Protein backbone atom coordinates (compact mmCIF):
# COMPACT_ATOMS: atom_id res chain seq x y z
CA UNK A 1 16.97 -7.14 -6.74
CA UNK A 2 16.56 -8.83 -3.37
CA UNK A 3 13.22 -7.50 -2.23
CA UNK A 4 12.23 -5.18 0.60
CA UNK A 5 11.48 -5.85 4.25
CA UNK A 6 10.16 -3.60 7.02
CA UNK A 7 10.78 -4.63 10.60
CA UNK A 8 9.20 -3.39 13.83
CA UNK A 9 7.91 -0.06 12.47
CA UNK A 10 6.15 2.15 15.01
CA UNK A 11 4.95 5.72 14.40
CA UNK A 12 3.55 8.25 16.90
CA UNK A 13 1.74 11.54 16.30
CA UNK A 14 1.77 14.35 18.85
CA UNK A 15 -1.77 15.77 19.17
CA UNK A 16 -3.50 18.20 21.52
CA UNK A 17 -5.12 15.24 23.24
CA UNK A 18 -1.88 13.32 23.71
CA UNK A 19 0.31 10.89 21.83
CA UNK A 20 -1.46 8.96 19.07
CA UNK A 21 0.28 5.62 18.53
CA UNK A 22 -0.73 5.38 14.88
CA UNK A 23 1.38 2.38 13.83
CA UNK A 24 2.62 -0.22 16.28
CA UNK A 25 5.33 -2.80 15.60
CA UNK A 26 4.62 -3.52 11.91
CA UNK A 27 6.83 -6.01 10.05
CA UNK A 28 6.26 -6.69 6.34
CA UNK A 29 8.18 -8.21 3.45
CA UNK A 30 7.76 -7.98 -0.32
CA UNK A 31 9.91 -10.28 -2.41
CA UNK A 32 11.50 -9.21 -5.70
CA UNK A 33 8.97 -9.20 -8.50
CA UNK A 34 6.09 -9.65 -6.04
CA UNK A 35 3.18 -7.40 -5.07
CA UNK A 36 2.20 -7.16 -1.41
CA UNK A 37 -1.29 -5.83 -0.79
CA UNK A 38 -1.70 -3.83 2.43
CA UNK A 39 -5.40 -3.62 3.28
CA UNK A 40 -7.61 -2.28 6.04
CA UNK A 41 -10.33 0.30 6.54
CA UNK A 42 -9.64 4.04 6.67
CA UNK A 43 -7.69 5.00 9.78
CA UNK A 44 -5.88 1.67 10.08
CA UNK A 45 -2.46 3.24 9.41
CA UNK A 46 -1.74 2.01 5.88
CA UNK A 47 -0.72 5.36 4.41
CA UNK A 48 1.29 6.17 7.54
CA UNK A 49 3.41 3.09 6.83
CA UNK A 50 4.03 4.31 3.28
CA UNK A 51 4.91 7.86 4.29
CA UNK A 52 7.23 6.61 7.04
CA UNK A 53 9.11 4.52 4.49
CA UNK A 54 9.46 7.49 2.15
CA UNK A 55 10.39 9.93 4.93
CA UNK A 56 7.39 12.13 4.15
CA UNK A 57 5.52 12.14 7.46
CA UNK A 58 4.00 15.31 8.88
CA UNK A 59 5.99 17.45 11.29
CA UNK A 60 4.11 16.18 14.35
CA UNK A 61 4.96 12.55 13.54
CA UNK A 62 7.84 10.52 14.91
CA UNK A 63 9.10 7.11 13.86
CA UNK A 64 9.95 5.60 17.23
CA UNK A 65 11.35 2.37 15.82
CA UNK A 66 11.72 0.48 12.58
CA UNK A 67 14.16 -0.56 9.88
CA UNK A 68 13.95 -0.94 6.12
CA UNK A 69 15.99 -3.64 4.42
CA UNK A 70 16.58 -3.10 0.70
CA UNK A 71 18.69 -5.88 -0.69
CA UNK A 72 21.79 -6.15 1.48
CA UNK A 73 21.46 -2.65 2.97
CA UNK A 74 19.54 -1.63 6.09
CA UNK A 75 18.17 1.81 6.99
CA UNK A 76 17.12 2.97 10.45
CA UNK A 77 13.73 4.60 9.90
CA UNK A 78 13.86 6.28 13.32
CA UNK A 79 16.75 8.41 12.08
CA UNK A 80 15.79 11.74 10.48
CA UNK A 81 15.82 11.63 6.66
CA UNK A 82 16.94 8.00 6.74
CA UNK A 83 15.55 7.27 3.27
CA UNK A 84 15.75 10.74 1.70
CA UNK A 85 18.69 9.72 -0.50
CA UNK A 86 16.73 6.70 -1.75
CA UNK A 87 13.75 8.65 -3.08
CA UNK A 88 13.78 8.78 -6.84
CA UNK A 89 16.68 6.32 -7.00
CA UNK A 90 15.86 3.10 -5.14
CA UNK A 91 12.33 3.98 -3.99
CA UNK A 92 9.37 5.54 -5.75
CA UNK A 93 5.77 6.22 -4.82
CA UNK A 94 2.53 6.54 -6.76
CA UNK A 95 0.09 8.64 -4.76
CA UNK A 96 -3.67 8.34 -4.45
CA UNK A 97 -4.42 11.63 -6.21
CA UNK A 98 -2.33 12.12 -9.35
CA UNK A 99 -3.51 15.71 -9.73
CA UNK A 100 -2.22 16.61 -6.26
CA UNK A 101 1.04 14.68 -6.68
CA UNK A 102 1.97 16.34 -10.00
CA UNK A 103 2.99 19.99 -9.91
CA UNK A 104 0.41 22.00 -11.92
CA UNK A 105 2.94 24.64 -13.04
CA UNK A 106 5.37 22.12 -14.59
CA UNK A 107 4.90 20.35 -17.89
CA UNK A 108 4.87 16.56 -18.16
CA UNK A 109 8.35 16.84 -19.72
CA UNK A 110 9.61 18.71 -16.66
CA UNK A 111 8.27 16.02 -14.33
CA UNK A 112 9.92 13.18 -16.25
CA UNK A 113 13.23 14.89 -16.93
CA UNK A 114 13.49 15.88 -13.25
CA UNK A 115 13.35 12.18 -12.38
CA UNK A 116 16.06 11.46 -14.95
CA UNK A 117 18.28 14.27 -13.70
CA UNK A 118 18.31 12.54 -10.31
CA UNK A 119 18.39 8.93 -11.47
CA UNK A 120 20.62 9.28 -14.54
CA UNK A 121 22.53 12.59 -14.30
CA UNK A 122 24.95 11.48 -17.01
CA UNK A 123 22.26 11.80 -19.73
CA UNK A 124 22.16 14.95 -21.84
CA UNK A 125 18.98 16.86 -22.66
CA UNK A 126 18.23 15.01 -25.88
CA UNK A 127 18.71 11.61 -24.24
CA UNK A 128 16.42 12.60 -21.36
CA UNK A 129 13.75 13.77 -23.75
CA UNK A 130 13.95 10.51 -25.69
CA UNK A 131 13.79 8.43 -22.49
CA UNK A 132 10.77 10.43 -21.32
CA UNK A 133 8.90 9.75 -24.56
CA UNK A 134 9.76 6.05 -24.37
CA UNK A 135 8.47 5.89 -20.79
CA UNK A 136 5.15 7.50 -21.75
CA UNK A 137 4.78 5.10 -24.67
CA UNK A 138 5.60 2.15 -22.41
CA UNK A 139 2.66 2.96 -20.11
CA UNK A 140 0.22 3.27 -23.00
CA UNK A 141 0.08 7.04 -23.51
CA UNK A 142 -0.47 7.87 -27.15
CA UNK A 143 1.36 10.71 -28.96
CA UNK A 144 4.00 11.04 -26.22
CA UNK A 145 5.78 13.84 -28.06
CA UNK A 146 2.62 15.97 -27.69
CA UNK A 147 1.91 14.91 -24.10
CA UNK A 148 5.37 16.02 -22.99
CA UNK A 149 4.46 19.63 -23.72
CA UNK A 150 1.16 19.42 -21.85
CA UNK A 151 0.41 20.18 -18.20
CA UNK A 152 -1.31 17.92 -15.63
CA UNK A 153 -4.66 19.73 -15.90
CA UNK A 154 -4.78 18.92 -19.61
CA UNK A 155 -4.78 15.18 -18.96
CA UNK A 156 -7.49 12.87 -17.62
CA UNK A 157 -7.14 11.25 -14.21
CA UNK A 158 -6.14 7.95 -15.76
CA UNK A 159 -3.49 9.60 -17.93
CA UNK A 160 -2.10 11.54 -14.97
CA UNK A 161 -1.75 8.29 -13.05
CA UNK A 162 0.04 6.76 -16.04
CA UNK A 163 2.45 9.68 -15.99
CA UNK A 164 3.16 8.84 -12.34
CA UNK A 165 3.81 5.23 -13.35
CA UNK A 166 6.09 6.41 -16.17
CA UNK A 167 8.05 8.42 -13.60
CA UNK A 168 8.44 5.28 -11.50
CA UNK A 169 9.53 3.35 -14.58
CA UNK A 170 12.31 5.88 -15.15
CA UNK A 171 13.40 5.56 -11.52
CA UNK A 172 13.62 1.74 -11.83
CA UNK A 173 13.22 1.41 -8.04
CA UNK A 174 13.87 -1.58 -5.85
CA UNK A 175 10.65 -0.73 -3.99
CA UNK A 176 7.57 0.89 -5.51
CA UNK A 177 4.82 2.05 -3.14
CA UNK A 178 1.38 2.53 -4.70
CA UNK A 179 -0.98 4.24 -2.25
CA UNK A 180 -4.59 3.76 -3.40
CA UNK A 181 -3.51 4.42 -7.01
CA UNK A 182 -6.95 3.73 -8.53
CA UNK A 183 -9.28 5.34 -5.97
CA UNK A 184 -10.44 8.22 -8.19
CA UNK A 185 -10.67 6.15 -11.38
CA UNK A 186 -13.56 4.27 -12.98
CA UNK A 187 -13.44 0.48 -13.25
CA UNK A 188 -12.10 0.36 -16.81
CA UNK A 189 -9.29 2.83 -16.16
CA UNK A 190 -8.55 1.10 -12.83
CA UNK A 191 -7.86 -2.14 -14.70
CA UNK A 192 -5.64 -0.34 -17.20
CA UNK A 193 -3.62 1.39 -14.46
CA UNK A 194 -3.17 -1.87 -12.53
CA UNK A 195 -2.02 -3.62 -15.69
CA UNK A 196 0.58 -0.88 -16.16
CA UNK A 197 1.78 -1.27 -12.56
CA UNK A 198 2.10 -5.03 -13.09
CA UNK A 199 3.90 -4.34 -16.36
CA UNK A 200 6.38 -2.10 -14.56
CA UNK A 201 6.98 -4.90 -12.05
CA UNK A 202 7.59 -7.34 -14.90
CA UNK A 203 10.02 -4.99 -16.67
CA UNK A 204 12.26 -4.14 -13.74
CA UNK A 205 11.56 -6.89 -11.17
CA UNK A 206 10.87 -4.47 -8.32
CA UNK A 207 8.96 -5.18 -5.11
CA UNK A 208 5.59 -3.41 -4.92
CA UNK A 209 3.64 -2.39 -1.82
CA UNK A 210 0.05 -1.81 -2.95
CA UNK A 211 -2.09 0.02 -0.39
CA UNK A 212 -5.80 -0.39 -1.01
CA UNK A 213 -9.27 -0.83 0.48
CA UNK A 214 -10.24 -3.26 -2.27
CA UNK A 215 -9.83 -6.94 -1.53
CA UNK A 216 -10.96 -7.59 -5.10
CA UNK A 217 -7.97 -5.64 -6.36
CA UNK A 218 -5.67 -7.59 -4.06
CA UNK A 219 -7.12 -10.93 -5.12
CA UNK A 220 -6.62 -10.12 -8.79
CA UNK A 221 -3.17 -8.53 -8.77
CA UNK A 222 -1.27 -9.30 -5.54
CA UNK A 223 0.86 -12.26 -4.54
CA UNK A 224 0.73 -11.62 -0.79
CA UNK A 225 -1.56 -9.77 1.59
CA UNK A 226 -1.16 -8.03 4.95
CA UNK A 227 -4.21 -6.89 6.91
CA UNK A 228 -3.99 -3.88 9.24
CA UNK A 229 -6.45 -2.83 11.90
CA UNK A 230 -6.16 0.28 14.10
CA UNK A 231 -2.41 0.54 13.64
CA UNK A 232 -1.58 -3.14 14.07
CA UNK A 233 -0.91 -5.99 11.66
CA UNK A 234 -3.49 -8.71 12.35
CA UNK A 235 -2.92 -11.17 9.51
CA UNK A 236 -0.56 -11.82 6.61
CA UNK A 237 0.19 -14.56 4.12
CA UNK A 238 -0.19 -15.43 0.48
CA UNK A 239 -3.37 -14.13 -1.15
CA UNK A 240 -4.46 -17.69 -1.93
CA UNK A 241 -3.99 -18.85 1.68
CA UNK A 242 -5.74 -15.88 3.31
CA UNK A 243 -8.64 -15.95 0.84
CA UNK A 244 -9.12 -19.70 1.34
CA UNK A 245 -8.97 -19.62 5.14
CA UNK A 246 -8.73 -16.20 6.82
CA UNK A 247 -7.46 -16.72 10.34
CA UNK A 248 -8.38 -13.41 11.97
CA UNK A 249 -12.03 -12.40 12.51
CA UNK A 250 -11.29 -8.96 11.04
CA UNK A 251 -9.86 -10.41 7.82
CA UNK A 252 -12.85 -12.75 7.65
CA UNK A 253 -15.23 -9.83 8.08
CA UNK A 254 -13.48 -7.78 5.38
CA UNK A 255 -13.81 -10.66 2.94
CA UNK A 256 -17.49 -11.03 3.80
CA UNK A 257 -18.05 -7.31 3.05
CA UNK A 258 -16.61 -7.62 -0.46
CA UNK A 259 -19.35 -7.59 -3.10
CA UNK A 260 -18.64 -9.05 -6.54
CA UNK A 261 -20.53 -8.06 -9.66
CA UNK A 262 -21.74 -11.63 -10.17
CA UNK A 263 -22.83 -12.20 -6.57
CA UNK A 264 -26.15 -14.10 -6.49
CA UNK A 265 -29.22 -12.19 -5.32
CA UNK A 266 -31.55 -13.83 -2.85
CA UNK A 267 -35.28 -14.01 -3.45
CA UNK A 268 -35.69 -12.10 -0.21
CA UNK A 269 -34.18 -8.62 -0.74
CA UNK A 270 -33.05 -8.57 2.89
CA UNK A 271 -30.65 -11.43 2.12
CA UNK A 272 -28.89 -9.26 -0.48
CA UNK A 273 -28.06 -6.37 1.82
CA UNK A 274 -24.48 -5.15 2.09
CA UNK A 275 -22.58 -6.66 4.99
CA UNK A 276 -20.87 -4.29 7.40
CA UNK A 277 -18.55 -4.60 10.39
CA UNK A 278 -20.49 -3.20 13.37
CA UNK A 279 -18.89 -0.55 15.54
CA UNK A 280 -16.02 1.85 14.96
CA UNK A 281 -12.24 1.87 15.17
CA UNK A 282 -11.05 2.32 18.76
CA UNK A 283 -10.01 5.74 20.03
CA UNK A 284 -6.28 5.91 19.24
CA UNK A 285 -5.66 7.75 22.50
CA UNK A 286 -7.48 5.11 24.56
CA UNK A 287 -6.78 1.73 22.99
CA UNK A 288 -8.48 -1.35 24.44
CA UNK A 289 -6.50 -3.89 26.43
CA UNK A 290 -5.68 -7.27 24.97
CA UNK A 291 -6.74 -7.83 21.37
CA UNK A 292 -7.16 -4.59 19.44
CA UNK A 293 -10.23 -5.92 17.57
CA UNK A 294 -12.09 -7.44 20.51
CA UNK A 295 -14.65 -4.61 20.91
CA UNK A 296 -16.04 -5.36 17.42
CA UNK A 297 -15.40 -9.09 17.29
CA UNK A 298 -18.24 -11.63 17.33
CA UNK A 299 -15.81 -14.30 18.57
CA UNK A 300 -14.43 -12.37 21.55
CA UNK A 301 -14.17 -14.16 24.89
CA UNK A 302 -12.98 -13.00 28.31
CA UNK A 303 -9.33 -13.87 27.56
CA UNK A 304 -9.34 -11.48 24.60
CA UNK A 305 -9.38 -8.53 27.02
CA UNK A 306 -6.40 -9.92 28.90
CA UNK A 307 -4.09 -11.44 26.29
CA UNK A 308 -2.24 -9.56 23.55
CA UNK A 309 -2.38 -12.25 20.86
CA UNK A 310 0.94 -13.30 19.31
CA UNK A 311 1.23 -14.32 15.64
CA UNK A 312 -0.10 -17.86 15.17
CA UNK A 313 0.35 -20.02 12.08
CA UNK A 314 -3.00 -20.58 10.36
CA UNK A 315 -3.96 -24.10 9.34
CA UNK A 316 -0.31 -25.19 9.21
CA UNK A 317 0.25 -22.94 6.17
CA UNK A 318 3.87 -21.65 6.08
CA UNK A 319 4.02 -17.85 6.12
CA UNK A 320 0.30 -17.48 6.91
CA UNK A 321 -0.08 -16.00 10.39
CA UNK A 322 -2.84 -14.25 12.31
CA UNK A 323 -2.87 -12.54 15.70
CA UNK A 324 -5.85 -14.19 17.36
CA UNK A 325 -5.98 -16.63 20.29
CA UNK A 326 -8.81 -18.55 18.60
CA UNK A 327 -7.16 -18.96 15.19
CA UNK A 328 -7.19 -22.74 14.86
CA UNK A 329 -10.33 -23.57 16.81
CA UNK A 330 -12.56 -25.95 14.92
């Protein structure tokens, strides 16, 4: 496997108020066997990127530009159904809500064997059944022969998400997209699900795009990070580089908002308050000039309203770039 790369992806939505430019000129890359964490607050466009890659956008959406490179092959994402033939063969997705993504009227066996009928049509029924049981066992589901006969509503949220991971394991994709895969799970199950996703990566060497709000999750499991804000990519680099020296004020603010379980408490309770980023995301129909983050930025200067910041290398670190005109100021 040669990894996955997205170049110059832009997505518009037609609304009653006008055209909503939801994603603007996004370029990302996830190497083989690596996990790229895509982070940002709600409304930043993370899930839109995922759905554009999978060809699952709503009817009022249009990919105006963008290409997906999988290995040596390139796909024009602006073309209708550009990646439809890749779904379930070279691409797979784990959705945020496993109950909504699994069909309630089909058994777990039907879900898994449907994947196999697309990915490995040469297998007979007995071979598909055996492969389905092996996939469930591989993701830590006990008594797989019993689980195959059950339906999604008979399983816990964590088990349903493991079924989704087992389906991805059967696909053996080049690119796996995991869109907030642990949002509805408690901390213990979250860790188990993430370990299974990492185990899938280790087994098949795929590239993984992990979409999440949790910087803690990214720090623990991802190799690289990309930070989105209001439809734009504002910073990307290795997790170690961005955590050590975030170059964009938004990335810095997100890191400051993260609360760890062992965070020290101040003697004054006011010093232990949660940190927030003041203000709101800009109106997508009336975006500010210059830097997209300037209306909420505590470092903004007059030039920020005039200059659209280009990517700038942070601290001389290769591959670590941020879109801010004040990146390397001391």
